[in-house]
Amino acid sequence: VQLVESGGGLVQPGGSLRLSCAASGRIFRITAPGWYRQAPGKQRELVAHITSGGSTNYADFVKGRFTISRDNGKNTVYLQMNSLKPEDTAVYYCNAEKITTYSGVNYYQVWGQGTQVAVSS
């Protein structure tokens, strides 16, 4: 069981990127997935979080610009990032509080390897 992020890259200020986080393995359920980020020299911080029911919460610094969503059928979580700013530059990580497989095994606090987002002119 693992989470694999994709979609990062270099974008100009004001631009957009869409990150994807796909869970591999025989996944039955992903509980409380979210996106975090870590800029150089800073601690990892929560960006957005989505519950199984679809409720979302966002860090104040991305409200109105970023949107988290999930496709349960594809075991994938997305982060649409619009109006990007240089201060959004960071490695973005996907996290799941719990991943349950069809065999009933639970994996807790699963992290992806991260994807780099750079916002610069």
Protein backbone atom coordinates (compact mmCIF):
# COMPACT_ATOMS: atom_id res chain seq x y z
CA VAL A 1 0.00 0.00 0.00
CA GLN A 2 1.39 3.36 -0.95
CA LEU A 3 0.38 6.86 -1.99
CA VAL A 4 1.90 8.34 -5.13
CA GLU A 5 1.67 12.05 -5.87
CA SER A 6 1.98 13.61 -9.30
CA GLY A 7 1.27 16.90 -11.04
CA GLY A 8 3.88 19.15 -9.52
CA GLY A 9 6.12 21.43 -11.52
CA LEU A 10 7.19 24.98 -12.22
CA VAL A 11 4.47 27.58 -12.79
CA GLN A 12 4.36 31.36 -12.99
CA PRO A 13 2.63 33.42 -10.31
CA GLY A 14 -1.10 33.44 -10.91
CA GLY A 15 -0.97 30.09 -12.65
CA SER A 16 -2.61 26.78 -11.79
CA LEU A 17 -1.60 23.20 -11.10
CA ARG A 18 -3.57 20.08 -10.28
CA LEU A 19 -1.95 17.56 -7.99
CA SER A 20 -3.06 13.95 -7.84
CA CYS A 21 -2.54 11.36 -5.13
CA ALA A 22 -3.25 7.79 -6.12
CA ALA A 23 -3.34 4.91 -3.69
CA SER A 24 -1.92 1.67 -5.00
CA GLY A 25 -2.80 -1.77 -3.77
CA ARG A 26 -6.11 -3.52 -3.10
CA ILE A 27 -7.65 -0.54 -1.36
CA PHE A 28 -11.06 -0.76 0.24
CA ARG A 29 -11.15 2.65 1.89
CA ILE A 30 -9.00 5.72 2.39
CA THR A 31 -9.89 7.55 5.59
CA ALA A 32 -9.41 11.30 5.96
CA PRO A 33 -6.92 12.05 3.21
CA GLY A 34 -5.24 15.41 3.07
CA TRP A 35 -2.52 17.47 1.49
CA TYR A 36 0.43 18.94 3.40
CA ARG A 37 3.36 20.99 2.27
CA GLN A 38 6.87 21.72 3.43
CA ALA A 39 8.91 24.66 2.27
CA PRO A 40 12.70 24.76 2.73
CA GLY A 41 13.58 25.49 6.33
CA LYS A 42 9.98 25.27 7.50
CA GLN A 43 7.85 22.67 9.20
CA ARG A 44 5.35 20.58 7.31
CA GLU A 45 1.91 22.18 7.43
CA LEU A 46 -1.63 21.14 6.58
CA VAL A 47 -2.98 22.56 3.33
CA ALA A 48 -6.35 20.84 2.95
CA HIS A 49 -8.25 17.87 4.28
CA ILE A 50 -11.34 15.96 3.15
CA THR A 51 -13.50 13.50 5.03
CA SER A 52 -15.18 10.36 3.73
CA GLY A 53 -18.41 12.31 3.57
CA GLY A 54 -16.83 15.01 1.45
CA SER A 55 -16.50 17.71 4.08
CA THR A 56 -13.42 19.84 3.53
CA ASN A 57 -11.26 22.20 5.49
CA TYR A 58 -8.47 24.44 4.32
CA ALA A 59 -5.59 26.36 5.79
CA ASP A 60 -6.33 30.06 5.79
CA PHE A 61 -3.50 30.76 3.38
CA VAL A 62 -5.14 28.70 0.59
CA LYS A 63 -8.83 29.38 1.15
CA GLY A 64 -10.50 30.51 -2.02
CA ARG A 65 -7.56 29.40 -4.16
CA PHE A 66 -7.17 25.65 -3.60
CA THR A 67 -9.78 22.91 -3.84
CA ILE A 68 -9.41 19.36 -2.53
CA SER A 69 -11.54 16.58 -3.97
CA ARG A 70 -11.58 12.80 -4.10
CA ASP A 71 -12.64 10.03 -6.45
CA ASN A 72 -13.36 7.02 -4.28
CA GLY A 73 -13.73 4.74 -7.28
CA LYS A 74 -10.20 5.55 -8.37
CA ASN A 75 -8.77 5.79 -4.82
CA THR A 76 -7.41 9.18 -5.79
CA VAL A 77 -7.35 12.57 -4.09
CA TYR A 78 -6.79 15.81 -5.97
CA LEU A 79 -5.65 19.29 -5.11
CA GLN A 80 -6.58 21.98 -7.61
CA MET A 81 -4.35 24.98 -7.02
CA ASN A 82 -5.26 28.30 -8.61
CA SER A 83 -3.84 31.81 -8.29
CA LEU A 84 -0.52 30.38 -7.18
CA LYS A 85 1.91 32.62 -5.34
CA PRO A 86 5.68 32.34 -4.86
CA GLU A 87 5.05 31.53 -1.20
CA ASP A 88 3.20 28.39 -2.31
CA THR A 89 6.55 26.95 -3.37
CA ALA A 90 7.07 23.73 -1.42
CA VAL A 91 7.09 19.97 -1.60
CA TYR A 92 3.48 18.82 -1.40
CA TYR A 93 2.70 15.57 0.36
CA CYS A 94 -0.40 13.43 0.36
CA ASN A 95 -1.45 11.78 3.61
CA ALA A 96 -4.11 9.36 4.71
CA GLU A 97 -5.02 8.85 8.35
CA LYS A 98 -5.88 5.24 7.54
CA ILE A 99 -5.93 2.99 4.51
CA THR A 100 -7.94 -0.21 4.70
CA THR A 101 -7.34 -3.05 2.26
CA TYR A 102 -9.89 -5.59 1.05
CA SER A 103 -8.19 -8.17 3.24
CA GLY A 104 -9.00 -6.03 6.28
CA VAL A 105 -5.51 -4.78 6.98
CA ASN A 106 -5.26 -1.17 8.19
CA TYR A 107 -2.31 1.11 7.52
CA TYR A 108 -2.11 4.28 9.60
CA GLN A 109 -0.58 7.66 8.75
CA VAL A 110 0.44 6.78 5.23
CA TRP A 111 2.51 9.40 3.40
CA GLY A 112 3.42 9.82 -0.23
CA GLN A 113 6.91 10.68 -1.41
CA GLY A 114 6.01 14.28 -2.24
CA THR A 115 5.86 16.34 -5.40
CA GLN A 116 7.70 19.63 -5.89
CA VAL A 117 5.74 22.77 -6.69
CA ALA A 118 7.70 25.87 -7.64
CA VAL A 119 6.04 29.21 -8.32
CA SER A 120 8.34 31.69 -9.95
CA SER A 121 8.53 34.13 -12.82
